[in-house]
């Protein structure tokens, strides 16, 4: 009987000690520019953008002028952005080595009735990480902060911090 009492007491202490351990909260991961270094290339490279689609032809002046400024993103790319209306930003990525122009296929918009400062980009010449804040198609379900990885031919979503429903409701989003 003493063995059973000792065993149960020891088991109770073991369970209590496990439960008393501090629970370590799972730390959230936020992609950082340093996590996605770009290939280093000589400074001052510029290449004439290749205009081979109606969208590129429509923006040919902006593409040529922006590309002439040189690389500013991902090692040897020029990320070019400009307004496309009230609360809207469009962007293209030009490879300064060969002139290839990449179209993202969407615009970044401010939340409905939101100000232009609710949208924007963060990027560095030495990193392939692009952080975008805004909405796609002005829809509340798409608003947020996007962490995008440039693969050399497209942007892939690494993580997204959505706007809360409360923020979207306050800004008049559907």
C-alpha atoms as a PDB file:
ATOM      1  CA  UNK A   1       0.000   0.000   0.000  1.00  0.00           C
ATOM      2  CA  UNK A   2       2.886   2.342   0.786  1.00  0.00           C
ATOM      3  CA  UNK A   3       4.371   1.650  -2.658  1.00  0.00           C
ATOM      4  CA  UNK A   4       1.099   2.583  -4.339  1.00  0.00           C
ATOM      5  CA  UNK A   5       0.828   5.779  -2.249  1.00  0.00           C
ATOM      6  CA  UNK A   6       4.460   6.653  -3.062  1.00  0.00           C
ATOM      7  CA  UNK A   7       3.921   5.950  -6.778  1.00  0.00           C
ATOM      8  CA  UNK A   8       0.747   8.060  -6.923  1.00  0.00           C
ATOM      9  CA  UNK A   9       2.414  10.905  -5.007  1.00  0.00           C
ATOM     10  CA  UNK A  10       5.444  10.820  -7.319  1.00  0.00           C
ATOM     11  CA  UNK A  11       3.149  10.775 -10.365  1.00  0.00           C
ATOM     12  CA  UNK A  12       1.163  13.731  -9.004  1.00  0.00           C
ATOM     13  CA  UNK A  13       4.365  15.733  -8.459  1.00  0.00           C
ATOM     14  CA  UNK A  14       5.586  14.874 -11.974  1.00  0.00           C
ATOM     15  CA  UNK A  15       2.313  16.031 -13.539  1.00  0.00           C
ATOM     16  CA  UNK A  16       2.284  19.182 -11.403  1.00  0.00           C
ATOM     17  CA  UNK A  17       5.868  20.035 -12.376  1.00  0.00           C
ATOM     18  CA  UNK A  18       5.086  19.634 -16.095  1.00  0.00           C
ATOM     19  CA  UNK A  19       1.990  21.801 -15.788  1.00  0.00           C
ATOM     20  CA  UNK A  20       3.884  24.409 -13.764  1.00  0.00           C
ATOM     21  CA  UNK A  21       6.472  24.933 -16.534  1.00  0.00           C
ATOM     22  CA  UNK A  22       6.054  28.295 -18.222  1.00  0.00           C
ATOM     23  CA  UNK A  23       4.314  27.954 -21.536  1.00  0.00           C
ATOM     24  CA  UNK A  24       6.432  29.473 -24.220  1.00  0.00           C
ATOM     25  CA  UNK A  25       4.288  31.345 -26.638  1.00  0.00           C
ATOM     26  CA  UNK A  26       4.969  30.547 -30.232  1.00  0.00           C
ATOM     27  CA  UNK A  27       6.796  33.542 -31.564  1.00  0.00           C
ATOM     28  CA  UNK A  28       5.498  34.969 -34.817  1.00  0.00           C
ATOM     29  CA  UNK A  29       7.890  35.122 -37.730  1.00  0.00           C
ATOM     30  CA  UNK A  30       8.178  38.233 -39.812  1.00  0.00           C
ATOM     31  CA  UNK A  31      10.280  37.994 -42.955  1.00  0.00           C
ATOM     32  CA  UNK A  32      13.271  40.338 -42.940  1.00  0.00           C
ATOM     33  CA  UNK A  33      15.185  41.792 -45.878  1.00  0.00           C
ATOM     34  CA  UNK A  34      18.421  40.196 -44.650  1.00  0.00           C
ATOM     35  CA  UNK A  35      16.794  36.744 -44.886  1.00  0.00           C
ATOM     36  CA  UNK A  36      16.558  37.077 -48.685  1.00  0.00           C
ATOM     37  CA  UNK A  37      19.822  38.518 -50.000  1.00  0.00           C
ATOM     38  CA  UNK A  38      20.115  39.408 -53.656  1.00  0.00           C
ATOM     39  CA  UNK A  39      22.935  38.494 -55.989  1.00  0.00           C
ATOM     40  CA  UNK A  40      25.372  41.410 -56.091  1.00  0.00           C
ATOM     41  CA  UNK A  41      26.050  42.904 -59.512  1.00  0.00           C
ATOM     42  CA  UNK A  42      28.064  45.938 -60.602  1.00  0.00           C
ATOM     43  CA  UNK A  43      26.421  49.274 -59.882  1.00  0.00           C
ATOM     44  CA  UNK A  44      25.292  51.435 -62.790  1.00  0.00           C
ATOM     45  CA  UNK A  45      23.813  48.750 -65.016  1.00  0.00           C
ATOM     46  CA  UNK A  46      20.818  49.796 -67.066  1.00  0.00           C
ATOM     47  CA  UNK A  47      19.168  48.095 -69.981  1.00  0.00           C
ATOM     48  CA  UNK A  48      16.447  49.365 -72.284  1.00  0.00           C
ATOM     49  CA  UNK A  49      13.105  47.802 -71.201  1.00  0.00           C
ATOM     50  CA  UNK A  50      11.651  45.338 -73.697  1.00  0.00           C
ATOM     51  CA  UNK A  51       8.193  46.588 -74.703  1.00  0.00           C
ATOM     52  CA  UNK A  52       6.310  43.509 -75.941  1.00  0.00           C
ATOM     53  CA  UNK A  53       2.732  43.747 -74.645  1.00  0.00           C
ATOM     54  CA  UNK A  54      -0.115  46.294 -74.769  1.00  0.00           C
ATOM     55  CA  UNK A  55       0.286  47.114 -71.049  1.00  0.00           C
ATOM     56  CA  UNK A  56       4.014  47.691 -71.467  1.00  0.00           C
ATOM     57  CA  UNK A  57       3.411  49.787 -74.597  1.00  0.00           C
ATOM     58  CA  UNK A  58       0.874  51.902 -72.701  1.00  0.00           C
ATOM     59  CA  UNK A  59       3.478  52.646 -69.993  1.00  0.00           C
ATOM     60  CA  UNK A  60       6.562  52.701 -72.264  1.00  0.00           C
ATOM     61  CA  UNK A  61       7.614  56.236 -71.268  1.00  0.00           C
ATOM     62  CA  UNK A  62       7.379  55.504 -67.548  1.00  0.00           C
ATOM     63  CA  UNK A  63       9.188  52.184 -68.013  1.00  0.00           C
ATOM     64  CA  UNK A  64      12.041  53.777 -69.967  1.00  0.00           C
ATOM     65  CA  UNK A  65      12.414  56.760 -67.644  1.00  0.00           C
ATOM     66  CA  UNK A  66      12.226  54.639 -64.507  1.00  0.00           C
ATOM     67  CA  UNK A  67      14.614  52.023 -65.810  1.00  0.00           C
ATOM     68  CA  UNK A  68      17.155  54.696 -66.719  1.00  0.00           C
ATOM     69  CA  UNK A  69      17.497  55.432 -62.979  1.00  0.00           C
ATOM     70  CA  UNK A  70      19.119  52.010 -62.463  1.00  0.00           C
ATOM     71  CA  UNK A  71      18.492  49.152 -60.091  1.00  0.00           C
ATOM     72  CA  UNK A  72      16.824  49.673 -56.719  1.00  0.00           C
ATOM     73  CA  UNK A  73      15.537  46.198 -55.833  1.00  0.00           C
ATOM     74  CA  UNK A  74      16.676  42.593 -55.674  1.00  0.00           C
ATOM     75  CA  UNK A  75      20.245  43.058 -56.911  1.00  0.00           C
ATOM     76  CA  UNK A  76      19.716  44.030 -60.541  1.00  0.00           C
ATOM     77  CA  UNK A  77      16.066  45.006 -60.849  1.00  0.00           C
ATOM     78  CA  UNK A  78      14.295  48.342 -61.000  1.00  0.00           C
ATOM     79  CA  UNK A  79      10.969  48.346 -59.175  1.00  0.00           C
ATOM     80  CA  UNK A  80       8.934  51.095 -60.838  1.00  0.00           C
ATOM     81  CA  UNK A  81       5.709  52.393 -59.340  1.00  0.00           C
ATOM     82  CA  UNK A  82       3.298  55.214 -60.091  1.00  0.00           C
ATOM     83  CA  UNK A  83      -0.246  56.286 -59.338  1.00  0.00           C
ATOM     84  CA  UNK A  84      -3.109  54.825 -61.342  1.00  0.00           C
ATOM     85  CA  UNK A  85      -5.935  56.907 -59.888  1.00  0.00           C
ATOM     86  CA  UNK A  86      -7.182  57.957 -56.484  1.00  0.00           C
ATOM     87  CA  UNK A  87      -5.762  55.543 -53.892  1.00  0.00           C
ATOM     88  CA  UNK A  88      -4.183  53.283 -56.522  1.00  0.00           C
ATOM     89  CA  UNK A  89      -0.586  52.357 -57.315  1.00  0.00           C
ATOM     90  CA  UNK A  90       0.614  50.217 -60.191  1.00  0.00           C
ATOM     91  CA  UNK A  91       4.082  48.744 -60.500  1.00  0.00           C
ATOM     92  CA  UNK A  92       6.395  46.840 -62.819  1.00  0.00           C
ATOM     93  CA  UNK A  93       9.776  45.195 -62.281  1.00  0.00           C
ATOM     94  CA  UNK A  94      12.503  45.644 -64.909  1.00  0.00           C
ATOM     95  CA  UNK A  95      15.563  43.394 -65.069  1.00  0.00           C
ATOM     96  CA  UNK A  96      18.427  45.833 -65.607  1.00  0.00           C
ATOM     97  CA  UNK A  97      20.644  43.065 -67.003  1.00  0.00           C
ATOM     98  CA  UNK A  98      18.478  42.112 -69.978  1.00  0.00           C
ATOM     99  CA  UNK A  99      15.561  44.579 -70.143  1.00  0.00           C
ATOM    100  CA  UNK A 100      12.859  42.002 -69.382  1.00  0.00           C
ATOM    101  CA  UNK A 101       9.784  43.722 -67.888  1.00  0.00           C
ATOM    102  CA  UNK A 102       7.654  41.786 -65.386  1.00  0.00           C
ATOM    103  CA  UNK A 103       4.013  42.722 -64.923  1.00  0.00           C
ATOM    104  CA  UNK A 104       2.570  41.814 -61.510  1.00  0.00           C
ATOM    105  CA  UNK A 105      -0.943  41.622 -62.973  1.00  0.00           C
ATOM    106  CA  UNK A 106      -2.638  43.689 -60.281  1.00  0.00           C
ATOM    107  CA  UNK A 107      -2.676  47.146 -58.735  1.00  0.00           C
ATOM    108  CA  UNK A 108      -2.294  47.966 -55.078  1.00  0.00           C
ATOM    109  CA  UNK A 109      -5.173  50.070 -53.754  1.00  0.00           C
ATOM    110  CA  UNK A 110      -5.991  51.909 -50.543  1.00  0.00           C
ATOM    111  CA  UNK A 111      -8.901  50.673 -48.436  1.00  0.00           C
ATOM    112  CA  UNK A 112     -12.198  52.125 -49.645  1.00  0.00           C
ATOM    113  CA  UNK A 113     -12.405  55.744 -48.463  1.00  0.00           C
ATOM    114  CA  UNK A 114      -8.837  55.335 -47.189  1.00  0.00           C
ATOM    115  CA  UNK A 115      -5.957  57.688 -47.796  1.00  0.00           C
ATOM    116  CA  UNK A 116      -3.054  57.054 -50.158  1.00  0.00           C
ATOM    117  CA  UNK A 117      -0.703  56.656 -47.176  1.00  0.00           C
ATOM    118  CA  UNK A 118      -2.472  53.330 -46.473  1.00  0.00           C
ATOM    119  CA  UNK A 119      -0.688  51.837 -49.483  1.00  0.00           C
ATOM    120  CA  UNK A 120       2.968  51.469 -50.281  1.00  0.00           C
ATOM    121  CA  UNK A 121       6.086  49.412 -50.796  1.00  0.00           C
ATOM    122  CA  UNK A 122       9.226  48.720 -48.797  1.00  0.00           C
ATOM    123  CA  UNK A 123      12.231  47.230 -50.571  1.00  0.00           C
ATOM    124  CA  UNK A 124      16.009  47.377 -50.757  1.00  0.00           C
ATOM    125  CA  UNK A 125      18.580  47.030 -53.542  1.00  0.00           C
ATOM    126  CA  UNK A 126      20.349  44.183 -51.702  1.00  0.00           C
ATOM    127  CA  UNK A 127      17.264  42.053 -50.946  1.00  0.00           C
ATOM    128  CA  UNK A 128      14.630  40.063 -52.848  1.00  0.00           C
ATOM    129  CA  UNK A 129      11.972  40.826 -50.191  1.00  0.00           C
ATOM    130  CA  UNK A 130       9.178  43.210 -51.175  1.00  0.00           C
ATOM    131  CA  UNK A 131       6.766  44.363 -48.481  1.00  0.00           C
ATOM    132  CA  UNK A 132       3.478  45.703 -49.870  1.00  0.00           C
ATOM    133  CA  UNK A 133       0.712  47.311 -47.864  1.00  0.00           C
ATOM    134  CA  UNK A 134      -2.735  47.810 -49.340  1.00  0.00           C
ATOM    135  CA  UNK A 135      -5.580  45.940 -51.006  1.00  0.00           C
ATOM    136  CA  UNK A 136      -6.123  44.038 -54.216  1.00  0.00           C
ATOM    137  CA  UNK A 137      -9.271  45.130 -56.088  1.00  0.00           C
ATOM    138  CA  UNK A 138     -10.328  47.332 -53.146  1.00  0.00           C
ATOM    139  CA  UNK A 139     -11.796  44.328 -51.350  1.00  0.00           C
ATOM    140  CA  UNK A 140     -11.683  44.156 -47.541  1.00  0.00           C
ATOM    141  CA  UNK A 141     -10.666  40.505 -47.615  1.00  0.00           C
ATOM    142  CA  UNK A 142      -7.474  41.345 -49.524  1.00  0.00           C
ATOM    143  CA  UNK A 143      -6.291  44.325 -47.451  1.00  0.00           C
ATOM    144  CA  UNK A 144      -3.141  43.799 -45.481  1.00  0.00           C
ATOM    145  CA  UNK A 145       0.609  43.827 -45.353  1.00  0.00           C
ATOM    146  CA  UNK A 146       2.114  41.321 -47.769  1.00  0.00           C
ATOM    147  CA  UNK A 147       5.641  39.926 -47.523  1.00  0.00           C
ATOM    148  CA  UNK A 148       6.563  38.927 -51.072  1.00  0.00           C
ATOM    149  CA  UNK A 149       9.654  37.100 -52.337  1.00  0.00           C
ATOM    150  CA  UNK A 150      10.966  37.982 -55.781  1.00  0.00           C
ATOM    151  CA  UNK A 151      12.044  34.724 -57.470  1.00  0.00           C
ATOM    152  CA  UNK A 152      13.512  36.355 -60.560  1.00  0.00           C
ATOM    153  CA  UNK A 153      10.338  35.944 -62.594  1.00  0.00           C
ATOM    154  CA  UNK A 154       7.419  36.406 -60.172  1.00  0.00           C
ATOM    155  CA  UNK A 155       6.412  37.440 -56.667  1.00  0.00           C
ATOM    156  CA  UNK A 156       5.517  34.687 -54.184  1.00  0.00           C
ATOM    157  CA  UNK A 157       3.660  35.429 -50.956  1.00  0.00           C
ATOM    158  CA  UNK A 158       5.688  34.493 -47.875  1.00  0.00           C
ATOM    159  CA  UNK A 159       3.325  35.912 -45.265  1.00  0.00           C
ATOM    160  CA  UNK A 160       0.361  38.243 -44.906  1.00  0.00           C
ATOM    161  CA  UNK A 161      -0.839  40.348 -41.995  1.00  0.00           C
ATOM    162  CA  UNK A 162      -4.486  41.077 -42.789  1.00  0.00           C
ATOM    163  CA  UNK A 163      -6.257  44.218 -41.676  1.00  0.00           C
ATOM    164  CA  UNK A 164      -8.712  43.447 -38.932  1.00  0.00           C
ATOM    165  CA  UNK A 165     -12.429  43.505 -39.667  1.00  0.00           C
ATOM    166  CA  UNK A 166     -12.767  46.459 -37.296  1.00  0.00           C
ATOM    167  CA  UNK A 167     -10.228  48.538 -39.202  1.00  0.00           C
ATOM    168  CA  UNK A 168     -11.842  47.632 -42.516  1.00  0.00           C
ATOM    169  CA  UNK A 169     -15.313  48.500 -41.155  1.00  0.00           C
ATOM    170  CA  UNK A 170     -14.097  51.846 -39.806  1.00  0.00           C
ATOM    171  CA  UNK A 171     -12.683  52.685 -43.213  1.00  0.00           C
ATOM    172  CA  UNK A 172     -16.013  51.900 -44.874  1.00  0.00           C
ATOM    173  CA  UNK A 173     -15.006  48.637 -46.518  1.00  0.00           C
ATOM    174  CA  UNK A 174     -17.669  46.148 -47.573  1.00  0.00           C
END
